[in-house]
Structures are given as structure tokens and as C-alpha cells.
N, C-alpha and C. Protein backbone atom coordinates (compact mmCIF):
# COMPACT_ATOMS: atom_id res chain seq x y z
N MET A 1 13.56 3.09 -7.18
CA MET A 1 14.49 2.47 -6.77
C MET A 1 14.23 1.11 -6.73
N PHE A 2 12.81 0.62 -6.71
CA PHE A 2 12.27 -0.49 -6.82
C PHE A 2 12.01 -0.93 -8.25
N ARG A 3 12.52 -1.88 -8.65
CA ARG A 3 11.90 -2.26 -10.01
C ARG A 3 11.62 -3.59 -10.28
N ARG A 4 10.83 -4.12 -11.33
CA ARG A 4 10.44 -5.24 -11.30
C ARG A 4 11.76 -6.06 -12.27
N LEU A 5 11.87 -7.28 -12.14
CA LEU A 5 13.17 -8.24 -12.45
C LEU A 5 12.84 -8.45 -13.95
N HIS A 6 11.56 -8.65 -14.30
CA HIS A 6 11.11 -8.97 -15.57
C HIS A 6 9.74 -8.46 -15.97
N ASP A 7 9.09 -8.28 -17.15
CA ASP A 7 7.86 -8.11 -17.56
C ASP A 7 7.12 -9.58 -17.63
N ASP A 8 5.90 -9.50 -17.49
CA ASP A 8 5.17 -10.78 -17.15
C ASP A 8 3.77 -10.38 -17.80
N ALA A 9 3.00 -11.64 -18.26
CA ALA A 9 1.77 -11.45 -18.63
C ALA A 9 0.60 -11.10 -17.97
N ARG A 10 0.66 -10.70 -16.67
CA ARG A 10 -0.40 -10.47 -15.93
C ARG A 10 -1.16 -9.08 -16.34
N ALA A 11 -2.61 -9.17 -15.83
CA ALA A 11 -3.25 -8.49 -16.50
C ALA A 11 -2.56 -7.06 -15.53
N ILE A 12 -2.84 -5.82 -16.28
CA ILE A 12 -2.77 -4.43 -15.47
C ILE A 12 -4.07 -3.96 -14.70
N VAL A 13 -4.16 -3.61 -13.42
CA VAL A 13 -5.40 -2.95 -12.83
C VAL A 13 -4.97 -1.62 -12.51
N THR A 14 -5.97 -0.92 -12.08
CA THR A 14 -5.94 0.67 -11.54
C THR A 14 -6.56 0.53 -10.30
N LEU A 15 -5.45 1.47 -9.31
CA LEU A 15 -6.06 1.54 -8.17
C LEU A 15 -5.98 2.97 -7.88
N ASP A 16 -6.91 3.19 -6.86
CA ASP A 16 -7.03 4.71 -6.46
C ASP A 16 -6.22 5.05 -5.27
N LEU A 17 -5.03 5.93 -5.34
CA LEU A 17 -4.43 6.19 -4.11
C LEU A 17 -4.46 7.79 -3.79
N ASP A 18 -5.31 7.97 -2.86
CA ASP A 18 -5.58 9.27 -2.38
C ASP A 18 -6.11 10.07 -3.46
N GLY A 19 -6.85 9.63 -4.03
CA GLY A 19 -7.71 10.20 -5.22
C GLY A 19 -6.82 10.14 -6.67
N ALA A 20 -5.58 9.51 -6.83
CA ALA A 20 -4.96 9.55 -7.90
C ALA A 20 -4.77 8.19 -8.78
N PRO A 21 -4.79 7.74 -9.69
CA PRO A 21 -4.72 6.47 -10.49
C PRO A 21 -3.00 5.87 -9.94
N ILE A 22 -2.93 4.57 -9.67
CA ILE A 22 -1.82 4.22 -10.03
C ILE A 22 -1.95 2.51 -10.72
N ALA A 23 -1.06 2.21 -11.32
CA ALA A 23 -1.17 1.05 -12.09
C ALA A 23 -0.49 -0.12 -11.24
N ALA A 24 -1.06 -1.47 -11.44
CA ALA A 24 -0.56 -2.51 -10.65
C ALA A 24 -0.68 -3.64 -11.28
N ARG A 25 0.02 -4.82 -11.40
CA ARG A 25 -0.31 -6.10 -11.63
C ARG A 25 -1.15 -6.91 -10.92
N GLU A 26 -2.12 -7.56 -11.36
CA GLU A 26 -2.99 -8.57 -10.95
C GLU A 26 -2.16 -9.60 -10.14
N GLY A 27 -2.42 -9.98 -9.08
CA GLY A 27 -1.56 -10.65 -8.11
C GLY A 27 -0.73 -10.19 -7.08
N ASP A 28 -0.36 -8.82 -7.43
CA ASP A 28 0.65 -8.25 -6.64
C ASP A 28 -0.16 -8.10 -5.28
N THR A 29 0.78 -7.77 -4.04
CA THR A 29 -0.14 -7.16 -2.88
C THR A 29 0.04 -5.61 -2.76
N VAL A 30 -0.73 -5.05 -2.58
CA VAL A 30 -1.07 -3.42 -2.50
C VAL A 30 0.56 -2.98 -1.94
N ALA A 31 1.39 -3.52 -1.05
CA ALA A 31 2.60 -2.71 -0.73
C ALA A 31 3.31 -3.17 -2.11
N ALA A 32 3.55 -4.04 -2.75
CA ALA A 32 4.55 -4.43 -3.58
C ALA A 32 3.76 -3.47 -4.81
N ALA A 33 2.74 -3.38 -5.07
CA ALA A 33 2.44 -2.42 -6.02
C ALA A 33 2.77 -0.92 -5.88
N MET A 34 2.72 -0.50 -4.62
CA MET A 34 3.02 1.03 -3.99
C MET A 34 4.56 1.12 -4.13
N LEU A 35 5.43 -0.04 -4.21
CA LEU A 35 6.68 0.05 -4.40
C LEU A 35 7.12 0.03 -5.76
N ALA A 36 6.45 -0.62 -6.72
CA ALA A 36 6.72 -0.91 -7.74
C ALA A 36 6.00 0.49 -8.64
N ALA A 37 5.15 1.13 -8.12
CA ALA A 37 4.67 2.35 -8.98
C ALA A 37 5.32 3.46 -8.28
N GLY A 38 6.41 3.27 -7.24
CA GLY A 38 7.09 4.68 -6.54
C GLY A 38 6.34 5.78 -6.16
N ALA A 39 5.20 5.10 -5.48
CA ALA A 39 3.91 5.95 -4.98
C ALA A 39 4.39 6.32 -3.53
N GLY A 40 5.46 5.90 -2.86
CA GLY A 40 6.06 6.66 -1.71
C GLY A 40 5.43 5.96 -0.75
N HIS A 41 5.11 6.58 0.58
CA HIS A 41 5.11 6.13 1.92
C HIS A 41 3.48 5.61 1.82
N THR A 42 3.26 4.58 2.73
CA THR A 42 1.93 3.98 3.04
C THR A 42 1.14 4.74 4.24
N ARG A 43 2.21 5.24 5.23
CA ARG A 43 1.76 5.85 6.59
C ARG A 43 2.52 6.66 6.97
N THR A 44 2.54 7.51 7.95
CA THR A 44 3.19 8.57 8.77
C THR A 44 3.22 8.05 10.29
N THR A 45 4.18 8.39 10.87
CA THR A 45 4.56 8.19 12.40
C THR A 45 3.71 8.87 13.22
N PRO A 46 3.20 8.31 14.47
CA PRO A 46 2.55 9.01 15.28
C PRO A 46 3.39 10.00 15.98
N VAL A 47 4.48 9.94 16.12
CA VAL A 47 5.71 11.02 16.57
C VAL A 47 6.32 11.51 15.72
N GLY A 48 6.30 12.72 15.27
CA GLY A 48 7.05 13.23 14.48
C GLY A 48 6.47 13.29 12.97
N GLY A 49 5.53 12.50 12.59
CA GLY A 49 4.95 12.50 11.15
C GLY A 49 5.73 12.14 10.14
N ARG A 50 6.91 11.29 10.53
CA ARG A 50 7.52 10.61 9.33
C ARG A 50 7.07 9.63 8.57
N PRO A 51 7.25 9.89 7.23
CA PRO A 51 6.85 8.75 6.30
C PRO A 51 7.38 7.52 6.53
N ARG A 52 6.70 6.38 6.23
CA ARG A 52 7.15 5.03 6.33
C ARG A 52 6.74 4.32 5.20
N LEU A 53 7.27 3.25 4.84
CA LEU A 53 7.26 2.32 3.51
C LEU A 53 7.01 0.93 4.10
N PRO A 54 6.57 0.25 3.20
CA PRO A 54 6.42 -1.25 3.83
C PRO A 54 8.08 -2.04 3.96
N TYR A 55 8.24 -2.65 4.80
CA TYR A 55 9.73 -3.00 5.22
C TYR A 55 9.60 -4.29 5.25
N CYS A 56 9.21 -5.42 5.77
CA CYS A 56 9.38 -6.82 5.92
C CYS A 56 8.64 -7.57 4.72
N MET A 57 7.36 -7.14 4.33
CA MET A 57 6.51 -7.42 3.16
C MET A 57 6.18 -8.93 3.68
N MET A 58 5.89 -9.35 4.94
CA MET A 58 5.41 -10.51 5.62
C MET A 58 4.27 -10.34 6.65
N GLY A 59 3.90 -9.38 6.86
CA GLY A 59 3.01 -9.00 7.98
C GLY A 59 3.67 -8.75 9.23
N VAL A 60 4.68 -8.80 9.74
CA VAL A 60 5.47 -8.52 10.74
C VAL A 60 5.37 -7.01 11.57
N CYS A 61 5.96 -6.28 10.70
CA CYS A 61 6.65 -4.94 11.12
C CYS A 61 5.56 -3.77 11.19
N PHE A 62 4.04 -4.00 10.63
CA PHE A 62 3.12 -3.01 10.53
C PHE A 62 3.31 -1.51 9.94
N ASP A 63 4.94 -1.40 9.22
CA ASP A 63 4.93 -0.37 8.52
C ASP A 63 3.94 -0.01 7.44
N CYS A 64 3.41 -0.96 7.02
CA CYS A 64 2.79 -0.57 5.50
C CYS A 64 1.09 -0.58 5.97
N LEU A 65 0.68 0.02 7.26
CA LEU A 65 -0.71 0.10 7.60
C LEU A 65 -1.21 1.19 6.59
N MET A 66 -2.40 0.86 6.06
CA MET A 66 -3.06 1.86 5.23
C MET A 66 -4.55 1.45 5.31
N GLU A 67 -5.46 2.69 5.00
CA GLU A 67 -7.14 2.41 4.51
C GLU A 67 -7.22 1.74 3.39
N ILE A 68 -7.70 0.90 3.33
CA ILE A 68 -7.99 -0.07 2.34
C ILE A 68 -9.60 -0.18 2.13
N ASP A 69 -9.93 0.52 0.97
CA ASP A 69 -11.56 0.23 0.61
C ASP A 69 -12.23 0.50 1.85
N GLY A 70 -12.05 1.85 2.56
CA GLY A 70 -12.50 2.11 3.78
C GLY A 70 -12.26 1.75 5.10
N ALA A 71 -11.49 0.61 5.08
CA ALA A 71 -11.03 -0.19 6.34
C ALA A 71 -9.57 0.31 6.94
N PRO A 72 -9.43 0.90 7.91
CA PRO A 72 -8.42 1.46 8.25
C PRO A 72 -7.57 0.51 8.95
N ASN A 73 -6.18 0.61 9.19
CA ASN A 73 -4.96 -0.39 9.70
C ASN A 73 -4.97 -1.69 9.13
N ARG A 74 -5.13 -1.71 7.87
CA ARG A 74 -4.84 -2.91 6.93
C ARG A 74 -3.47 -3.03 6.66
N GLN A 75 -3.04 -3.93 6.84
CA GLN A 75 -1.36 -4.29 6.24
C GLN A 75 -1.58 -4.68 4.83
N ALA A 76 -0.92 -3.45 4.16
CA ALA A 76 -1.01 -3.66 2.82
C ALA A 76 0.17 -4.60 1.95
N CYS A 77 0.87 -5.24 2.99
CA CYS A 77 1.64 -6.31 2.41
C CYS A 77 1.09 -7.53 2.30
N MET A 78 -0.38 -7.69 3.30
CA MET A 78 -1.09 -8.64 3.00
C MET A 78 -2.54 -8.75 2.39
N VAL A 79 -2.28 -7.71 1.71
CA VAL A 79 -3.70 -7.46 0.39
C VAL A 79 -3.41 -7.66 -0.89
N ARG A 80 -4.09 -8.56 -1.39
CA ARG A 80 -3.79 -8.43 -2.63
C ARG A 80 -4.85 -7.67 -3.65
N VAL A 81 -4.06 -6.87 -4.80
CA VAL A 81 -4.73 -5.95 -5.38
C VAL A 81 -5.98 -6.54 -6.20
N ARG A 82 -7.08 -5.41 -6.36
CA ARG A 82 -7.96 -5.84 -7.19
C ARG A 82 -8.53 -4.18 -7.79
N ASP A 83 -8.93 -4.45 -9.06
CA ASP A 83 -8.92 -3.12 -9.90
C ASP A 83 -10.01 -2.33 -9.13
N GLY A 84 -9.87 -1.06 -9.06
CA GLY A 84 -10.69 -0.12 -8.61
C GLY A 84 -10.30 0.02 -7.31
N MET A 85 -9.61 -0.88 -6.43
CA MET A 85 -9.33 -0.52 -4.83
C MET A 85 -9.17 0.99 -4.48
N LYS A 86 -9.71 1.57 -3.35
CA LYS A 86 -9.44 2.79 -2.86
C LYS A 86 -8.42 2.79 -1.64
N LEU A 87 -7.18 3.32 -2.13
CA LEU A 87 -6.29 3.21 -0.97
C LEU A 87 -6.04 4.82 -0.50
N ARG A 88 -5.74 4.60 0.98
CA ARG A 88 -5.65 6.20 1.43
C ARG A 88 -4.32 6.04 2.42
N ARG A 89 -3.67 6.86 2.20
CA ARG A 89 -2.19 6.82 3.15
C ARG A 89 -2.94 7.06 4.59
N GLN A 90 -2.40 6.76 5.53
CA GLN A 90 -2.68 6.50 6.95
C GLN A 90 -1.87 7.43 8.09
N PRO A 91 -2.60 8.65 8.46
CA PRO A 91 -1.68 9.51 9.23
C PRO A 91 -1.35 9.18 10.54
N GLY A 92 -0.54 9.53 11.03
CA GLY A 92 -0.07 9.20 12.58
C GLY A 92 -0.52 8.07 13.09
N ALA A 93 -1.08 8.19 14.65
CA ALA A 93 -1.49 7.09 15.22
C ALA A 93 -2.45 6.17 14.64
N ARG A 94 -2.59 4.74 14.82
CA ARG A 94 -4.05 4.36 14.11
C ARG A 94 -5.05 4.17 15.30
N ASP A 95 -6.16 4.20 14.75
CA ASP A 95 -7.24 4.71 15.79
C ASP A 95 -7.60 2.90 16.15
N VAL A 96 -7.73 2.75 17.32
CA VAL A 96 -8.13 1.39 17.69
C VAL A 96 -9.77 1.52 18.29
N ALA A 97 -10.61 0.40 17.48
CA ALA A 97 -12.23 0.43 18.16
C ALA A 97 -12.23 -0.20 19.40
N GLU A 98 -13.17 0.38 20.11
CA GLU A 98 -13.44 -0.33 21.49
C GLU A 98 -14.18 -1.45 21.24
């Protein structure tokens, strides 16, 4: 569904998504890399467990919450990719630390 408009010369990096490798372009956000790779959802809803994908791509909607390099509740649309990042889809309600 999502595709790049053109190829460019940016370096390709590899991300670990739930134990599987996905390719991304250096400089992309995690959310853009997920969409371009066709990797599917970033989290599931607290009620019903329905999959959610990045929506606004500017940090407003929180539909792209993921665990990124061990830190939960990160907005994937606000984090730039780095080679070797560990990404985990976030299930259900987010945990809020006290």
C-alpha cells in the first residue's frame, strides 16, 4: 500500500522487529520504515486488541507507540532509525510508571 516515490542514495540499515530483520533507509523515522517495509501494525488497542498503524506521522495521535531499544511507549513517528535498533510491537494498554 505504501511505497517510496523514488529511490535515493541513502544508506540502508537493518532493524530488528520482534526478532525479524527489516530494512530501512537512514534518516527515516521508525514509523516511516515500518510502513515502507510493509511490516504492519505498531501496537494493538487496549479494548479489543485491534492492530493500529501510524496515522498522523507528527506525534499527535499516539497510534504508533512501540517499544524501541527496550523503552516502551515511544512514538515511532518521532524516532529516527539507527542500524541494529530493536523494535517490539506494543500490545494493549501502555504501562505508565509511577
